[in-house]
Amino acid sequence: MYAMGWFRQAPGKEREFVAAISWSGGSTDYADSVKGRFTISRD
């Protein structure tokens, strides 16, 4: 029942969104900087 997300924070920088997925896994979203390179999934 939980939507999940990944965020990252580099030294000296603010936390930024990386990827998110709905609890069904049917919807995902990515930061432009990682699109095509990162894939979020869930089991």
PDB file of all heavy atoms in Angstrom:
ATOM      1  N   MET A   1       0.815  -1.210   0.000  1.00  0.00           N
ATOM      2  CA  MET A   1       0.000   0.000   0.000  1.00  0.00           C
ATOM      3  C   MET A   1       0.852   1.265   0.000  1.00  0.00           C
ATOM      4  O   MET A   1       0.337   2.370   0.133  1.00  0.00           O
ATOM      5  CB  MET A   1      -0.918   0.010   1.226  1.00  0.00           C
ATOM      6  CG  MET A   1      -1.923  -1.112   1.247  1.00  0.00           C
ATOM      7  SD  MET A   1      -3.169  -0.927  -0.035  1.00  0.00           S
ATOM      8  CE  MET A   1      -4.054   0.521   0.542  1.00  0.00           C
ATOM      9  N   TYR A   2       2.165   1.115  -0.124  1.00  0.00           N
ATOM     10  CA  TYR A   2       3.063   2.250  -0.043  1.00  0.00           C
ATOM     11  C   TYR A   2       3.700   2.552  -1.395  1.00  0.00           C
ATOM     12  O   TYR A   2       4.317   1.676  -2.015  1.00  0.00           O
ATOM     13  CB  TYR A   2       4.164   2.000   0.985  1.00  0.00           C
ATOM     14  CG  TYR A   2       3.697   2.094   2.410  1.00  0.00           C
ATOM     15  CD1 TYR A   2       3.048   1.018   3.009  1.00  0.00           C
ATOM     16  CD2 TYR A   2       3.886   3.251   3.148  1.00  0.00           C
ATOM     17  CE1 TYR A   2       2.602   1.100   4.313  1.00  0.00           C
ATOM     18  CE2 TYR A   2       3.450   3.346   4.460  1.00  0.00           C
ATOM     19  CZ  TYR A   2       2.806   2.271   5.033  1.00  0.00           C
ATOM     20  OH  TYR A   2       2.370   2.358   6.329  1.00  0.00           O
ATOM     21  N   ALA A   3       3.554   3.808  -1.816  1.00  0.00           N
ATOM     22  CA  ALA A   3       4.364   4.283  -2.926  1.00  0.00           C
ATOM     23  C   ALA A   3       5.786   4.474  -2.407  1.00  0.00           C
ATOM     24  O   ALA A   3       5.986   4.830  -1.240  1.00  0.00           O
ATOM     25  CB  ALA A   3       3.815   5.596  -3.457  1.00  0.00           C
ATOM     26  N   MET A   4       6.744   4.213  -3.271  1.00  0.00           N
ATOM     27  CA  MET A   4       8.149   4.258  -2.847  1.00  0.00           C
ATOM     28  C   MET A   4       8.944   5.207  -3.724  1.00  0.00           C
ATOM     29  O   MET A   4       8.629   5.396  -4.911  1.00  0.00           O
ATOM     30  CB  MET A   4       8.765   2.857  -2.948  1.00  0.00           C
ATOM     31  CG  MET A   4       8.056   1.794  -2.131  1.00  0.00           C
ATOM     32  SD  MET A   4       8.176   2.064  -0.372  1.00  0.00           S
ATOM     33  CE  MET A   4       9.936   1.865  -0.108  1.00  0.00           C
ATOM     34  N   GLY A   5       9.981   5.772  -3.127  1.00  0.00           N
ATOM     35  CA  GLY A   5      10.835   6.668  -3.893  1.00  0.00           C
ATOM     36  C   GLY A   5      12.289   6.502  -3.495  1.00  0.00           C
ATOM     37  O   GLY A   5      12.613   5.990  -2.416  1.00  0.00           O
ATOM     38  N   TRP A   6      13.155   6.893  -4.400  1.00  0.00           N
ATOM     39  CA  TRP A   6      14.599   6.974  -4.130  1.00  0.00           C
ATOM     40  C   TRP A   6      15.014   8.438  -4.270  1.00  0.00           C
ATOM     41  O   TRP A   6      14.621   9.117  -5.234  1.00  0.00           O
ATOM     42  CB  TRP A   6      15.393   6.134  -5.114  1.00  0.00           C
ATOM     43  CG  TRP A   6      15.352   4.661  -4.868  1.00  0.00           C
ATOM     44  CD1 TRP A   6      14.553   3.738  -5.483  1.00  0.00           C
ATOM     45  CD2 TRP A   6      16.163   3.925  -3.945  1.00  0.00           C
ATOM     46  NE1 TRP A   6      14.804   2.484  -4.991  1.00  0.00           N
ATOM     47  CE2 TRP A   6      15.795   2.569  -4.046  1.00  0.00           C
ATOM     48  CE3 TRP A   6      17.153   4.278  -3.028  1.00  0.00           C
ATOM     49  CZ2 TRP A   6      16.389   1.559  -3.284  1.00  0.00           C
ATOM     50  CZ3 TRP A   6      17.746   3.280  -2.268  1.00  0.00           C
ATOM     51  CH2 TRP A   6      17.366   1.941  -2.396  1.00  0.00           C
ATOM     52  N   PHE A   7      15.807   8.876  -3.320  1.00  0.00           N
ATOM     53  CA  PHE A   7      16.375  10.209  -3.327  1.00  0.00           C
ATOM     54  C   PHE A   7      17.875  10.087  -3.096  1.00  0.00           C
ATOM     55  O   PHE A   7      18.356   9.062  -2.614  1.00  0.00           O
ATOM     56  CB  PHE A   7      15.747  11.072  -2.224  1.00  0.00           C
ATOM     57  CG  PHE A   7      14.312  11.422  -2.484  1.00  0.00           C
ATOM     58  CD1 PHE A   7      13.308  10.490  -2.279  1.00  0.00           C
ATOM     59  CD2 PHE A   7      13.949  12.676  -2.954  1.00  0.00           C
ATOM     60  CE1 PHE A   7      11.970  10.791  -2.526  1.00  0.00           C
ATOM     61  CE2 PHE A   7      12.630  12.996  -3.202  1.00  0.00           C
ATOM     62  CZ  PHE A   7      11.640  12.055  -2.983  1.00  0.00           C
ATOM     63  N   ARG A   8      18.604  11.126  -3.422  1.00  0.00           N
ATOM     64  CA  ARG A   8      20.037  11.123  -3.162  1.00  0.00           C
ATOM     65  C   ARG A   8      20.489  12.495  -2.699  1.00  0.00           C
ATOM     66  O   ARG A   8      19.881  13.504  -3.016  1.00  0.00           O
ATOM     67  CB  ARG A   8      20.813  10.686  -4.401  1.00  0.00           C
ATOM     68  CG  ARG A   8      20.755  11.665  -5.567  1.00  0.00           C
ATOM     69  CD  ARG A   8      21.422  11.048  -6.798  1.00  0.00           C
ATOM     70  NE  ARG A   8      21.420  11.969  -7.925  1.00  0.00           N
ATOM     71  CZ  ARG A   8      21.849  11.651  -9.141  1.00  0.00           C
ATOM     72  NH1 ARG A   8      22.303  10.426  -9.391  1.00  0.00           N
ATOM     73  NH2 ARG A   8      21.815  12.554 -10.106  1.00  0.00           N
ATOM     74  N   GLN A   9      21.581  12.480  -1.956  1.00  0.00           N
ATOM     75  CA  GLN A   9      22.159  13.725  -1.468  1.00  0.00           C
ATOM     76  C   GLN A   9      23.667  13.640  -1.554  1.00  0.00           C
ATOM     77  O   GLN A   9      24.285  12.768  -0.924  1.00  0.00           O
ATOM     78  CB  GLN A   9      21.725  14.015  -0.038  1.00  0.00           C
ATOM     79  CG  GLN A   9      22.157  15.392   0.447  1.00  0.00           C
ATOM     80  CD  GLN A   9      21.459  15.813   1.714  1.00  0.00           C
ATOM     81  OE1 GLN A   9      20.913  14.994   2.454  1.00  0.00           O
ATOM     82  NE2 GLN A   9      21.452  17.112   1.982  1.00  0.00           N
ATOM     83  N   ALA A  10      24.234  14.521  -2.344  1.00  0.00           N
ATOM     84  CA  ALA A  10      25.681  14.606  -2.489  1.00  0.00           C
ATOM     85  C   ALA A  10      26.213  15.607  -1.471  1.00  0.00           C
ATOM     86  O   ALA A  10      25.486  16.488  -1.005  1.00  0.00           O
ATOM     87  CB  ALA A  10      26.027  15.041  -3.901  1.00  0.00           C
ATOM     88  N   PRO A  11      27.492  15.502  -1.127  1.00  0.00           N
ATOM     89  CA  PRO A  11      28.080  16.435  -0.158  1.00  0.00           C
ATOM     90  C   PRO A  11      27.899  17.882  -0.598  1.00  0.00           C
ATOM     91  O   PRO A  11      28.188  18.233  -1.736  1.00  0.00           O
ATOM     92  CB  PRO A  11      29.554  16.030  -0.146  1.00  0.00           C
ATOM     93  CG  PRO A  11      29.559  14.607  -0.562  1.00  0.00           C
ATOM     94  CD  PRO A  11      28.453  14.471  -1.567  1.00  0.00           C
ATOM     95  N   GLY A  12      27.408  18.704   0.315  1.00  0.00           N
ATOM     96  CA  GLY A  12      27.236  20.111   0.027  1.00  0.00           C
ATOM     97  C   GLY A  12      26.054  20.456  -0.835  1.00  0.00           C
ATOM     98  O   GLY A  12      25.865  21.618  -1.215  1.00  0.00           O
ATOM     99  N   LYS A  13      25.239  19.445  -1.170  1.00  0.00           N
ATOM    100  CA  LYS A  13      24.079  19.688  -2.025  1.00  0.00           C
ATOM    101  C   LYS A  13      22.801  19.284  -1.307  1.00  0.00           C
ATOM    102  O   LYS A  13      22.823  18.512  -0.355  1.00  0.00           O
ATOM    103  CB  LYS A  13      24.213  18.921  -3.339  1.00  0.00           C
ATOM    104  CG  LYS A  13      25.368  19.391  -4.207  1.00  0.00           C
ATOM    105  CD  LYS A  13      25.339  18.711  -5.553  1.00  0.00           C
ATOM    106  CE  LYS A  13      26.452  19.222  -6.452  1.00  0.00           C
ATOM    107  NZ  LYS A  13      26.416  18.569  -7.798  1.00  0.00           N
ATOM    108  N   GLU A  14      21.688  19.782  -1.816  1.00  0.00           N
ATOM    109  CA  GLU A  14      20.402  19.413  -1.251  1.00  0.00           C
ATOM    110  C   GLU A  14      19.983  18.030  -1.752  1.00  0.00           C
ATOM    111  O   GLU A  14      20.416  17.564  -2.811  1.00  0.00           O
ATOM    112  CB  GLU A  14      19.339  20.450  -1.620  1.00  0.00           C
ATOM    113  CG  GLU A  14      19.570  21.805  -0.990  1.00  0.00           C
ATOM    114  CD  GLU A  14      18.401  22.762  -1.204  1.00  0.00           C
ATOM    115  OE1 GLU A  14      17.459  22.401  -1.929  1.00  0.00           O
ATOM    116  OE2 GLU A  14      18.448  23.852  -0.625  1.00  0.00           O
ATOM    117  N   ARG A  15      19.119  17.405  -0.973  1.00  0.00           N
ATOM    118  CA  ARG A  15      18.587  16.111  -1.381  1.00  0.00           C
ATOM    119  C   ARG A  15      17.757  16.280  -2.652  1.00  0.00           C
ATOM    120  O   ARG A  15      17.004  17.249  -2.792  1.00  0.00           O
ATOM    121  CB  ARG A  15      17.729  15.531  -0.260  1.00  0.00           C
ATOM    122  CG  ARG A  15      17.133  14.175  -0.556  1.00  0.00           C
ATOM    123  CD  ARG A  15      16.597  13.530   0.697  1.00  0.00           C
ATOM    124  NE  ARG A  15      15.682  14.403   1.412  1.00  0.00           N
ATOM    125  CZ  ARG A  15      15.253  14.172   2.653  1.00  0.00           C
ATOM    126  NH1 ARG A  15      15.677  13.104   3.300  1.00  0.00           N
ATOM    127  NH2 ARG A  15      14.421  15.003   3.230  1.00  0.00           N
ATOM    128  N   GLU A  16      17.907  15.337  -3.570  1.00  0.00           N
ATOM    129  CA  GLU A  16      17.178  15.445  -4.818  1.00  0.00           C
ATOM    130  C   GLU A  16      16.463  14.144  -5.152  1.00  0.00           C
ATOM    131  O   GLU A  16      16.915  13.049  -4.794  1.00  0.00           O
ATOM    132  CB  GLU A  16      18.119  15.820  -5.975  1.00  0.00           C
ATOM    133  CG  GLU A  16      19.165  14.804  -6.313  1.00  0.00           C
ATOM    134  CD  GLU A  16      19.950  15.167  -7.580  1.00  0.00           C
ATOM    135  OE1 GLU A  16      19.584  16.128  -8.272  1.00  0.00           O
ATOM    136  OE2 GLU A  16      20.934  14.455  -7.868  1.00  0.00           O
ATOM    137  N   PHE A  17      15.359  14.294  -5.841  1.00  0.00           N
ATOM    138  CA  PHE A  17      14.565  13.160  -6.293  1.00  0.00           C
ATOM    139  C   PHE A  17      15.318  12.372  -7.352  1.00  0.00           C
ATOM    140  O   PHE A  17      15.964  12.964  -8.232  1.00  0.00           O
ATOM    141  CB  PHE A  17      13.240  13.675  -6.852  1.00  0.00           C
ATOM    142  CG  PHE A  17      12.455  12.671  -7.628  1.00  0.00           C
ATOM    143  CD1 PHE A  17      11.787  11.643  -6.976  1.00  0.00           C
ATOM    144  CD2 PHE A  17      12.384  12.733  -9.008  1.00  0.00           C
ATOM    145  CE1 PHE A  17      11.059  10.711  -7.688  1.00  0.00           C
ATOM    146  CE2 PHE A  17      11.647  11.810  -9.733  1.00  0.00           C
ATOM    147  CZ  PHE A  17      10.986  10.796  -9.062  1.00  0.00           C
ATOM    148  N   VAL A  18      15.216  11.052  -7.282  1.00  0.00           N
ATOM    149  CA  VAL A  18      15.839  10.186  -8.272  1.00  0.00           C
ATOM    150  C   VAL A  18      14.775   9.402  -9.049  1.00  0.00           C
ATOM    151  O   VAL A  18      14.726   9.456 -10.278  1.00  0.00           O
ATOM    152  CB  VAL A  18      16.828   9.211  -7.621  1.00  0.00           C
ATOM    153  CG1 VAL A  18      17.389   8.239  -8.658  1.00  0.00           C
ATOM    154  CG2 VAL A  18      17.955   9.956  -6.926  1.00  0.00           C
ATOM    155  N   ALA A  19      13.929   8.677  -8.311  1.00  0.00           N
ATOM    156  CA  ALA A  19      12.931   7.835  -8.977  1.00  0.00           C
ATOM    157  C   ALA A  19      11.807   7.519  -8.011  1.00  0.00           C
ATOM    158  O   ALA A  19      11.998   7.556  -6.794  1.00  0.00           O
ATOM    159  CB  ALA A  19      13.558   6.541  -9.487  1.00  0.00           C
ATOM    160  N   ALA A  20      10.630   7.203  -8.559  1.00  0.00           N
ATOM    161  CA  ALA A  20       9.483   6.854  -7.734  1.00  0.00           C
ATOM    162  C   ALA A  20       8.657   5.785  -8.426  1.00  0.00           C
ATOM    163  O   ALA A  20       8.681   5.665  -9.661  1.00  0.00           O
ATOM    164  CB  ALA A  20       8.620   8.084  -7.460  1.00  0.00           C
ATOM    165  N   ILE A  21       7.934   5.023  -7.620  1.00  0.00           N
ATOM    166  CA  ILE A  21       7.094   3.960  -8.162  1.00  0.00           C
ATOM    167  C   ILE A  21       5.827   3.843  -7.330  1.00  0.00           C
ATOM    168  O   ILE A  21       5.859   3.978  -6.108  1.00  0.00           O
ATOM    169  CB  ILE A  21       7.882   2.627  -8.187  1.00  0.00           C
ATOM    170  CG1 ILE A  21       7.104   1.547  -8.944  1.00  0.00           C
ATOM    171  CG2 ILE A  21       8.248   2.169  -6.782  1.00  0.00           C
ATOM    172  CD1 ILE A  21       7.972   0.323  -9.271  1.00  0.00           C
ATOM    173  N   SER A  22       4.715   3.613  -7.994  1.00  0.00           N
ATOM    174  CA  SER A  22       3.451   3.415  -7.293  1.00  0.00           C
ATOM    175  C   SER A  22       3.442   2.049  -6.623  1.00  0.00           C
ATOM    176  O   SER A  22       4.285   1.193  -6.919  1.00  0.00           O
ATOM    177  CB  SER A  22       2.300   3.500  -8.290  1.00  0.00           C
ATOM    178  OG  SER A  22       2.423   2.466  -9.265  1.00  0.00           O
ATOM    179  N   TRP A  23       2.471   1.823  -5.736  1.00  0.00           N
ATOM    180  CA  TRP A  23       2.533   0.543  -5.026  1.00  0.00           C
ATOM    181  C   TRP A  23       2.164  -0.630  -5.916  1.00  0.00           C
ATOM    182  O   TRP A  23       2.556  -1.764  -5.648  1.00  0.00           O
ATOM    183  CB  TRP A  23       1.732   0.570  -3.730  1.00  0.00           C
ATOM    184  CG  TRP A  23       0.243   0.732  -3.726  1.00  0.00           C
ATOM    185  CD1 TRP A  23      -0.435   1.832  -3.299  1.00  0.00           C
ATOM    186  CD2 TRP A  23      -0.765  -0.235  -4.065  1.00  0.00           C
ATOM    187  NE1 TRP A  23      -1.790   1.625  -3.370  1.00  0.00           N
ATOM    188  CE2 TRP A  23      -2.028   0.350  -3.828  1.00  0.00           C
ATOM    189  CE3 TRP A  23      -0.739  -1.540  -4.542  1.00  0.00           C
ATOM    190  CZ2 TRP A  23      -3.227  -0.307  -4.061  1.00  0.00           C
ATOM    191  CZ3 TRP A  23      -1.933  -2.201  -4.772  1.00  0.00           C
ATOM    192  CH2 TRP A  23      -3.156  -1.578  -4.538  1.00  0.00           C
ATOM    193  N   SER A  24       1.469  -0.363  -6.997  1.00  0.00           N
ATOM    194  CA  SER A  24       1.187  -1.439  -7.937  1.00  0.00           C
ATOM    195  C   SER A  24       2.365  -1.720  -8.854  1.00  0.00           C
ATOM    196  O   SER A  24       2.420  -2.757  -9.511  1.00  0.00           O
ATOM    197  CB  SER A  24      -0.022  -1.075  -8.799  1.00  0.00           C
ATOM    198  OG  SER A  24       0.311  -0.010  -9.681  1.00  0.00           O
ATOM    199  N   GLY A  25       3.294  -0.768  -8.913  1.00  0.00           N
ATOM    200  CA  GLY A  25       4.397  -0.883  -9.858  1.00  0.00           C
ATOM    201  C   GLY A  25       4.028  -0.411 -11.246  1.00  0.00           C
ATOM    202  O   GLY A  25       4.882  -0.397 -12.133  1.00  0.00           O
ATOM    203  N   GLY A  26       2.779   0.010 -11.419  1.00  0.00           N
ATOM    204  CA  GLY A  26       2.324   0.384 -12.739  1.00  0.00           C
ATOM    205  C   GLY A  26       2.696   1.782 -13.173  1.00  0.00           C
ATOM    206  O   GLY A  26       2.580   2.114 -14.362  1.00  0.00           O
ATOM    207  N   SER A  27       3.129   2.604 -12.230  1.00  0.00           N
ATOM    208  CA  SER A  27       3.526   3.974 -12.558  1.00  0.00           C
ATOM    209  C   SER A  27       4.908   4.235 -11.995  1.00  0.00           C
ATOM    210  O   SER A  27       5.186   3.893 -10.843  1.00  0.00           O
ATOM    211  CB  SER A  27       2.548   4.993 -11.960  1.00  0.00           C
ATOM    212  OG  SER A  27       1.267   4.846 -12.523  1.00  0.00           O
ATOM    213  N   THR A  28       5.753   4.841 -12.812  1.00  0.00           N
ATOM    214  CA  THR A  28       7.092   5.202 -12.368  1.00  0.00           C
ATOM    215  C   THR A  28       7.435   6.593 -12.895  1.00  0.00           C
ATOM    216  O   THR A  28       6.830   7.081 -13.856  1.00  0.00           O
ATOM    217  CB  THR A  28       8.153   4.213 -12.871  1.00  0.00           C
ATOM    218  OG1 THR A  28       8.132   4.183 -14.309  1.00  0.00           O
ATOM    219  CG2 THR A  28       7.918   2.810 -12.334  1.00  0.00           C
ATOM    220  N   ASP A  29       8.430   7.203 -12.264  1.00  0.00           N
ATOM    221  CA  ASP A  29       8.918   8.508 -12.705  1.00  0.00           C
ATOM    222  C   ASP A  29      10.385   8.614 -12.354  1.00  0.00           C
ATOM    223  O   ASP A  29      10.851   7.969 -11.390  1.00  0.00           O
ATOM    224  CB  ASP A  29       8.127   9.635 -12.044  1.00  0.00           C
ATOM    225  CG  ASP A  29       8.292  10.962 -12.760  1.00  0.00           C
ATOM    226  OD1 ASP A  29       8.834  10.979 -13.892  1.00  0.00           O
ATOM    227  OD2 ASP A  29       7.875  11.995 -12.198  1.00  0.00           O
ATOM    228  N   TYR A  30      11.105   9.415 -13.124  1.00  0.00           N
ATOM    229  CA  TYR A  30      12.541   9.548 -12.942  1.00  0.00           C
ATOM    230  C   TYR A  30      12.963  11.007 -13.077  1.00  0.00           C
ATOM    231  O   TYR A  30      12.355  11.770 -13.839  1.00  0.00           O
ATOM    232  CB  TYR A  30      13.290   8.731 -13.993  1.00  0.00           C
ATOM    233  CG  TYR A  30      13.029   7.252 -13.927  1.00  0.00           C
ATOM    234  CD1 TYR A  30      11.997   6.672 -14.656  1.00  0.00           C
ATOM    235  CD2 TYR A  30      13.817   6.422 -13.130  1.00  0.00           C
ATOM    236  CE1 TYR A  30      11.738   5.312 -14.589  1.00  0.00           C
ATOM    237  CE2 TYR A  30      13.575   5.060 -13.066  1.00  0.00           C
ATOM    238  CZ  TYR A  30      12.531   4.518 -13.795  1.00  0.00           C
ATOM    239  OH  TYR A  30      12.285   3.170 -13.727  1.00  0.00           O
ATOM    240  N   ALA A  31      14.022  11.338 -12.385  1.00  0.00           N
ATOM    241  CA  ALA A  31      14.668  12.621 -12.618  1.00  0.00           C
ATOM    242  C   ALA A  31      15.288  12.599 -14.009  1.00  0.00           C
ATOM    243  O   ALA A  31      15.728  11.553 -14.485  1.00  0.00           O
ATOM    244  CB  ALA A  31      15.742  12.871 -11.573  1.00  0.00           C
ATOM    245  N   ASP A  32      15.315  13.758 -14.646  1.00  0.00           N
ATOM    246  CA  ASP A  32      15.878  13.820 -15.998  1.00  0.00           C
ATOM    247  C   ASP A  32      17.323  13.331 -16.029  1.00  0.00           C
ATOM    248  O   ASP A  32      17.759  12.729 -17.010  1.00  0.00           O
ATOM    249  CB  ASP A  32      15.818  15.252 -16.512  1.00  0.00           C
ATOM    250  CG  ASP A  32      14.392  15.686 -16.864  1.00  0.00           C
ATOM    251  OD1 ASP A  32      13.518  14.804 -17.022  1.00  0.00           O
ATOM    252  OD2 ASP A  32      14.167  16.911 -16.964  1.00  0.00           O
ATOM    253  N   SER A  33      18.043  13.582 -14.959  1.00  0.00           N
ATOM    254  CA  SER A  33      19.472  13.235 -14.916  1.00  0.00           C
ATOM    255  C   SER A  33      19.724  11.738 -14.926  1.00  0.00           C
ATOM    256  O   SER A  33      20.845  11.306 -15.203  1.00  0.00           O
ATOM    257  CB  SER A  33      20.126  13.860 -13.686  1.00  0.00           C
ATOM    258  OG  SER A  33      19.498  13.394 -12.503  1.00  0.00           O
ATOM    259  N   VAL A  34      18.702  10.930 -14.622  1.00  0.00           N
ATOM    260  CA  VAL A  34      18.913   9.473 -14.557  1.00  0.00           C
ATOM    261  C   VAL A  34      18.057   8.711 -15.565  1.00  0.00           C
ATOM    262  O   VAL A  34      18.197   7.481 -15.675  1.00  0.00           O
ATOM    263  CB  VAL A  34      18.647   8.932 -13.136  1.00  0.00           C
ATOM    264  CG1 VAL A  34      19.469   9.691 -12.110  1.00  0.00           C
ATOM    265  CG2 VAL A  34      17.167   8.959 -12.778  1.00  0.00           C
ATOM    266  N   LYS A  35      17.200   9.395 -16.282  1.00  0.00           N
ATOM    267  CA  LYS A  35      16.338   8.720 -17.258  1.00  0.00           C
ATOM    268  C   LYS A  35      17.172   7.970 -18.281  1.00  0.00           C
ATOM    269  O   LYS A  35      18.154   8.482 -18.800  1.00  0.00           O
ATOM    270  CB  LYS A  35      15.435   9.734 -17.967  1.00  0.00           C
ATOM    271  CG  LYS A  35      14.215  10.125 -17.168  1.00  0.00           C
ATOM    272  CD  LYS A  35      13.354  11.103 -17.937  1.00  0.00           C
ATOM    273  CE  LYS A  35      12.140  11.522 -17.106  1.00  0.00           C
ATOM    274  NZ  LYS A  35      11.315  12.548 -17.792  1.00  0.00           N
ATOM    275  N   GLY A  36      16.773   6.748 -18.542  1.00  0.00           N
ATOM    276  CA  GLY A  36      17.494   5.915 -19.495  1.00  0.00           C
ATOM    277  C   GLY A  36      18.658   5.162 -18.890  1.00  0.00           C
ATOM    278  O   GLY A  36      19.216   4.268 -19.538  1.00  0.00           O
ATOM    279  N   ARG A  37      19.056   5.515 -17.667  1.00  0.00           N
ATOM    280  CA  ARG A  37      20.169   4.819 -17.005  1.00  0.00           C
ATOM    281  C   ARG A  37      19.714   4.059 -15.766  1.00  0.00           C
ATOM    282  O   ARG A  37      20.249   3.001 -15.454  1.00  0.00           O
ATOM    283  CB  ARG A  37      21.256   5.821 -16.603  1.00  0.00           C
ATOM    284  CG  ARG A  37      21.856   6.588 -17.758  1.00  0.00           C
ATOM    285  CD  ARG A  37      23.069   7.409 -17.306  1.00  0.00           C
ATOM    286  NE  ARG A  37      22.712   8.426 -16.324  1.00  0.00           N
ATOM    287  CZ  ARG A  37      23.260   8.504 -15.111  1.00  0.00           C
ATOM    288  NH1 ARG A  37      24.182   7.644 -14.747  1.00  0.00           N
ATOM    289  NH2 ARG A  37      22.891   9.478 -14.275  1.00  0.00           N
ATOM    290  N   PHE A  38      18.741   4.602 -15.048  1.00  0.00           N
ATOM    291  CA  PHE A  38      18.264   3.993 -13.802  1.00  0.00           C
ATOM    292  C   PHE A  38      16.872   3.410 -14.012  1.00  0.00           C
ATOM    293  O   PHE A  38      16.066   3.938 -14.780  1.00  0.00           O
ATOM    294  CB  PHE A  38      18.181   5.032 -12.683  1.00  0.00           C
ATOM    295  CG  PHE A  38      19.506   5.543 -12.175  1.00  0.00           C
ATOM    296  CD1 PHE A  38      20.694   5.283 -12.835  1.00  0.00           C
ATOM    297  CD2 PHE A  38      19.556   6.306 -11.018  1.00  0.00           C
ATOM    298  CE1 PHE A  38      21.903   5.757 -12.367  1.00  0.00           C
ATOM    299  CE2 PHE A  38      20.757   6.799 -10.523  1.00  0.00           C
ATOM    300  CZ  PHE A  38      21.941   6.519 -11.218  1.00  0.00           C
ATOM    301  N   THR A  39      16.608   2.323 -13.300  1.00  0.00           N
ATOM    302  CA  THR A  39      15.285   1.707 -13.341  1.00  0.00           C
ATOM    303  C   THR A  39      14.835   1.368 -11.931  1.00  0.00           C
ATOM    304  O   THR A  39      15.566   0.684 -11.193  1.00  0.00           O
ATOM    305  CB  THR A  39      15.303   0.425 -14.186  1.00  0.00           C
ATOM    306  OG1 THR A  39      15.752   0.722 -15.509  1.00  0.00           O
ATOM    307  CG2 THR A  39      13.900  -0.183 -14.265  1.00  0.00           C
ATOM    308  N   ILE A  40      13.652   1.828 -11.579  1.00  0.00           N
ATOM    309  CA  ILE A  40      13.079   1.496 -10.280  1.00  0.00           C
ATOM    310  C   ILE A  40      12.083   0.365 -10.470  1.00  0.00           C
ATOM    311  O   ILE A  40      11.346   0.324 -11.470  1.00  0.00           O
ATOM    312  CB  ILE A  40      12.407   2.725  -9.629  1.00  0.00           C
ATOM    313  CG1 ILE A  40      11.993   2.416  -8.185  1.00  0.00           C
ATOM    314  CG2 ILE A  40      11.238   3.234 -10.457  1.00  0.00           C
ATOM    315  CD1 ILE A  40      11.545   3.652  -7.401  1.00  0.00           C
ATOM    316  N   SER A  41      12.080  -0.558  -9.526  1.00  0.00           N
ATOM    317  CA  SER A  41      11.139  -1.672  -9.578  1.00  0.00           C
ATOM    318  C   SER A  41      10.838  -2.121  -8.154  1.00  0.00           C
ATOM    319  O   SER A  41      11.495  -1.677  -7.215  1.00  0.00           O
ATOM    320  CB  SER A  41      11.704  -2.842 -10.398  1.00  0.00           C
ATOM    321  OG  SER A  41      12.891  -3.337  -9.800  1.00  0.00           O
ATOM    322  N   ARG A  42       9.849  -2.974  -8.017  1.00  0.00           N
ATOM    323  CA  ARG A  42       9.510  -3.454  -6.682  1.00  0.00           C
ATOM    324  C   ARG A  42       8.995  -4.890  -6.756  1.00  0.00           C
ATOM    325  O   ARG A  42       8.440  -5.320  -7.768  1.00  0.00           O
ATOM    326  CB  ARG A  42       8.472  -2.558  -6.022  1.00  0.00           C
ATOM    327  CG  ARG A  42       7.126  -2.531  -6.692  1.00  0.00           C
ATOM    328  CD  ARG A  42       6.262  -1.420  -6.096  1.00  0.00           C
ATOM    329  NE  ARG A  42       5.940  -1.677  -4.686  1.00  0.00           N
ATOM    330  CZ  ARG A  42       5.578  -0.714  -3.826  1.00  0.00           C
ATOM    331  NH1 ARG A  42       5.503   0.546  -4.223  1.00  0.00           N
ATOM    332  NH2 ARG A  42       5.290  -1.026  -2.577  1.00  0.00           N
ATOM    333  N   ASP A  43       9.198  -5.593  -5.654  1.00  0.00           N
ATOM    334  CA  ASP A  43       8.681  -6.946  -5.499  1.00  0.00           C
ATOM    335  C   ASP A  43       7.867  -6.930  -4.211  1.00  0.00           C
ATOM    336  O   ASP A  43       8.439  -6.997  -3.109  1.00  0.00           O
ATOM    337  CB  ASP A  43       9.829  -7.955  -5.428  1.00  0.00           C
ATOM    338  CG  ASP A  43       9.333  -9.387  -5.392  1.00  0.00           C
ATOM    339  OD1 ASP A  43       8.170  -9.624  -4.997  1.00  0.00           O
ATOM    340  OD2 ASP A  43      10.124 -10.275  -5.726  1.00  0.00           O
TER     341      ASP A  43
END
